[in-house]
């Protein structure tokens, strides 16, 4: 019997407030697989910019908030959109110095089922 694709998770990637400045800093290691679900969580006391290339402001995440992307909702195997393996995610301050909190990333990917 075929069950399609199972969901699997990579380790949480975190960056504490002391490592966040006005220059983009990588959050953990690059993605290890093609990501189906991405959560970007900002528990810092300031808004942050997120970049997928280390130089462009792609997203802005308000303080104490998150963004959730489900790229492959209700899709199996190679169907749907994915965030590419090897992508490095970066963050930096928007305007004011961050003085508390953490920024973290949680990701899920599909792996072959039975």
C-alpha atoms as a PDB file:
ATOM      1  CA  UNK A   1       0.000   0.000   0.000  1.00  0.00           C
ATOM      2  CA  UNK A   2       1.357   3.457  -0.934  1.00  0.00           C
ATOM      3  CA  UNK A   3       1.158   6.198   1.662  1.00  0.00           C
ATOM      4  CA  UNK A   4       2.754   9.035  -0.328  1.00  0.00           C
ATOM      5  CA  UNK A   5       5.218  11.303   1.387  1.00  0.00           C
ATOM      6  CA  UNK A   6       5.980  11.531   5.110  1.00  0.00           C
ATOM      7  CA  UNK A   7       6.805  14.820   6.741  1.00  0.00           C
ATOM      8  CA  UNK A   8      10.183  15.141   8.463  1.00  0.00           C
ATOM      9  CA  UNK A   9      11.797  17.990  10.388  1.00  0.00           C
ATOM     10  CA  UNK A  10      15.244  19.538  10.487  1.00  0.00           C
ATOM     11  CA  UNK A  11      16.775  20.857  13.708  1.00  0.00           C
ATOM     12  CA  UNK A  12      15.618  24.289  14.891  1.00  0.00           C
ATOM     13  CA  UNK A  13      17.938  27.127  13.843  1.00  0.00           C
ATOM     14  CA  UNK A  14      18.296  30.015  16.322  1.00  0.00           C
ATOM     15  CA  UNK A  15      20.019  33.372  16.553  1.00  0.00           C
ATOM     16  CA  UNK A  16      20.037  35.215  19.900  1.00  0.00           C
ATOM     17  CA  UNK A  17      19.549  39.002  20.062  1.00  0.00           C
ATOM     18  CA  UNK A  18      23.243  39.637  20.807  1.00  0.00           C
ATOM     19  CA  UNK A  19      24.174  38.266  17.367  1.00  0.00           C
ATOM     20  CA  UNK A  20      21.640  40.424  15.495  1.00  0.00           C
ATOM     21  CA  UNK A  21      22.812  43.809  14.185  1.00  0.00           C
ATOM     22  CA  UNK A  22      22.356  46.112  11.202  1.00  0.00           C
ATOM     23  CA  UNK A  23      24.328  43.643   9.060  1.00  0.00           C
ATOM     24  CA  UNK A  24      22.809  40.384   7.831  1.00  0.00           C
ATOM     25  CA  UNK A  25      23.767  37.346   9.951  1.00  0.00           C
ATOM     26  CA  UNK A  26      23.099  33.728   8.969  1.00  0.00           C
ATOM     27  CA  UNK A  27      20.613  31.840  11.116  1.00  0.00           C
ATOM     28  CA  UNK A  28      22.134  28.409  11.699  1.00  0.00           C
ATOM     29  CA  UNK A  29      23.198  26.218   8.817  1.00  0.00           C
ATOM     30  CA  UNK A  30      21.802  26.240   5.260  1.00  0.00           C
ATOM     31  CA  UNK A  31      18.675  24.162   4.659  1.00  0.00           C
ATOM     32  CA  UNK A  32      19.467  20.479   4.261  1.00  0.00           C
ATOM     33  CA  UNK A  33      16.497  19.525   2.112  1.00  0.00           C
ATOM     34  CA  UNK A  34      13.781  21.003  -0.100  1.00  0.00           C
ATOM     35  CA  UNK A  35      11.502  22.677   2.445  1.00  0.00           C
ATOM     36  CA  UNK A  36       7.710  22.354   2.295  1.00  0.00           C
ATOM     37  CA  UNK A  37       6.825  24.275   5.485  1.00  0.00           C
ATOM     38  CA  UNK A  38       8.796  27.208   6.905  1.00  0.00           C
ATOM     39  CA  UNK A  39       8.160  29.087  10.162  1.00  0.00           C
ATOM     40  CA  UNK A  40      10.080  32.290  10.909  1.00  0.00           C
ATOM     41  CA  UNK A  41       9.621  33.351  14.553  1.00  0.00           C
ATOM     42  CA  UNK A  42      10.761  36.702  15.972  1.00  0.00           C
ATOM     43  CA  UNK A  43      10.598  36.957  19.769  1.00  0.00           C
ATOM     44  CA  UNK A  44      12.933  39.979  19.709  1.00  0.00           C
ATOM     45  CA  UNK A  45      11.917  43.434  20.918  1.00  0.00           C
ATOM     46  CA  UNK A  46      12.388  44.977  17.439  1.00  0.00           C
ATOM     47  CA  UNK A  47      11.248  44.296  13.868  1.00  0.00           C
ATOM     48  CA  UNK A  48      13.681  42.273  11.736  1.00  0.00           C
ATOM     49  CA  UNK A  49      14.394  41.947   8.026  1.00  0.00           C
ATOM     50  CA  UNK A  50      14.803  38.451   6.574  1.00  0.00           C
ATOM     51  CA  UNK A  51      16.891  37.732   3.494  1.00  0.00           C
ATOM     52  CA  UNK A  52      17.359  34.612   1.398  1.00  0.00           C
ATOM     53  CA  UNK A  53      20.495  35.939  -0.332  1.00  0.00           C
ATOM     54  CA  UNK A  54      22.217  37.920   2.446  1.00  0.00           C
ATOM     55  CA  UNK A  55      21.752  41.326   0.813  1.00  0.00           C
ATOM     56  CA  UNK A  56      18.083  41.891  -0.112  1.00  0.00           C
ATOM     57  CA  UNK A  57      15.332  42.702   2.392  1.00  0.00           C
ATOM     58  CA  UNK A  58      12.838  39.992   1.368  1.00  0.00           C
ATOM     59  CA  UNK A  59      10.563  39.939   4.425  1.00  0.00           C
ATOM     60  CA  UNK A  60       9.915  42.119   7.451  1.00  0.00           C
ATOM     61  CA  UNK A  61       8.787  40.376  10.620  1.00  0.00           C
ATOM     62  CA  UNK A  62       7.309  42.475  13.411  1.00  0.00           C
ATOM     63  CA  UNK A  63       8.608  42.093  16.950  1.00  0.00           C
ATOM     64  CA  UNK A  64       7.056  39.203  18.860  1.00  0.00           C
ATOM     65  CA  UNK A  65       5.412  37.713  15.776  1.00  0.00           C
ATOM     66  CA  UNK A  66       5.946  35.018  13.158  1.00  0.00           C
ATOM     67  CA  UNK A  67       5.377  34.133   9.510  1.00  0.00           C
ATOM     68  CA  UNK A  68       4.361  30.670   8.372  1.00  0.00           C
ATOM     69  CA  UNK A  69       4.735  29.487   4.779  1.00  0.00           C
ATOM     70  CA  UNK A  70       3.160  26.239   3.586  1.00  0.00           C
ATOM     71  CA  UNK A  71       4.635  25.960   0.104  1.00  0.00           C
ATOM     72  CA  UNK A  72       3.192  22.542  -0.729  1.00  0.00           C
ATOM     73  CA  UNK A  73      -0.179  22.449   0.994  1.00  0.00           C
ATOM     74  CA  UNK A  74      -1.926  19.151   0.261  1.00  0.00           C
ATOM     75  CA  UNK A  75       0.673  18.082  -2.307  1.00  0.00           C
ATOM     76  CA  UNK A  76       2.690  14.871  -2.401  1.00  0.00           C
ATOM     77  CA  UNK A  77       6.080  13.846  -3.729  1.00  0.00           C
ATOM     78  CA  UNK A  78       7.496  16.403  -6.219  1.00  0.00           C
ATOM     79  CA  UNK A  79       4.254  18.373  -6.522  1.00  0.00           C
ATOM     80  CA  UNK A  80       3.992  21.901  -5.165  1.00  0.00           C
ATOM     81  CA  UNK A  81       6.499  24.608  -4.397  1.00  0.00           C
ATOM     82  CA  UNK A  82       9.636  24.168  -2.281  1.00  0.00           C
ATOM     83  CA  UNK A  83      12.335  26.323  -0.726  1.00  0.00           C
ATOM     84  CA  UNK A  84      15.548  24.907  -2.207  1.00  0.00           C
ATOM     85  CA  UNK A  85      18.032  22.769  -0.325  1.00  0.00           C
ATOM     86  CA  UNK A  86      21.166  24.739   0.526  1.00  0.00           C
ATOM     87  CA  UNK A  87      19.310  28.035   1.064  1.00  0.00           C
ATOM     88  CA  UNK A  88      20.808  30.134   3.867  1.00  0.00           C
ATOM     89  CA  UNK A  89      18.424  32.397   5.775  1.00  0.00           C
ATOM     90  CA  UNK A  90      19.694  35.692   7.199  1.00  0.00           C
ATOM     91  CA  UNK A  91      18.293  38.365   9.547  1.00  0.00           C
ATOM     92  CA  UNK A  92      19.177  41.940  10.509  1.00  0.00           C
ATOM     93  CA  UNK A  93      17.706  44.835  12.479  1.00  0.00           C
ATOM     94  CA  UNK A  94      15.299  47.179  10.733  1.00  0.00           C
ATOM     95  CA  UNK A  95      16.249  50.363  12.569  1.00  0.00           C
ATOM     96  CA  UNK A  96      16.709  50.079  16.348  1.00  0.00           C
ATOM     97  CA  UNK A  97      19.122  47.881  18.268  1.00  0.00           C
ATOM     98  CA  UNK A  98      17.693  44.563  19.407  1.00  0.00           C
ATOM     99  CA  UNK A  99      18.103  44.202  23.174  1.00  0.00           C
ATOM    100  CA  UNK A 100      16.227  40.973  23.938  1.00  0.00           C
ATOM    101  CA  UNK A 101      14.773  37.865  22.360  1.00  0.00           C
ATOM    102  CA  UNK A 102      15.652  35.265  19.766  1.00  0.00           C
ATOM    103  CA  UNK A 103      14.926  34.687  16.099  1.00  0.00           C
ATOM    104  CA  UNK A 104      14.382  31.079  15.065  1.00  0.00           C
ATOM    105  CA  UNK A 105      13.457  28.956  12.083  1.00  0.00           C
ATOM    106  CA  UNK A 106      11.513  25.690  12.020  1.00  0.00           C
ATOM    107  CA  UNK A 107      11.280  23.691   8.792  1.00  0.00           C
ATOM    108  CA  UNK A 108       9.594  20.546   7.527  1.00  0.00           C
ATOM    109  CA  UNK A 109      10.241  18.597   4.355  1.00  0.00           C
ATOM    110  CA  UNK A 110       8.774  15.541   2.644  1.00  0.00           C
ATOM    111  CA  UNK A 111      10.514  12.201   2.522  1.00  0.00           C
ATOM    112  CA  UNK A 112       9.402   9.132   0.592  1.00  0.00           C
ATOM    113  CA  UNK A 113       6.802   6.892   2.196  1.00  0.00           C
ATOM    114  CA  UNK A 114       6.159   3.169   1.979  1.00  0.00           C
END
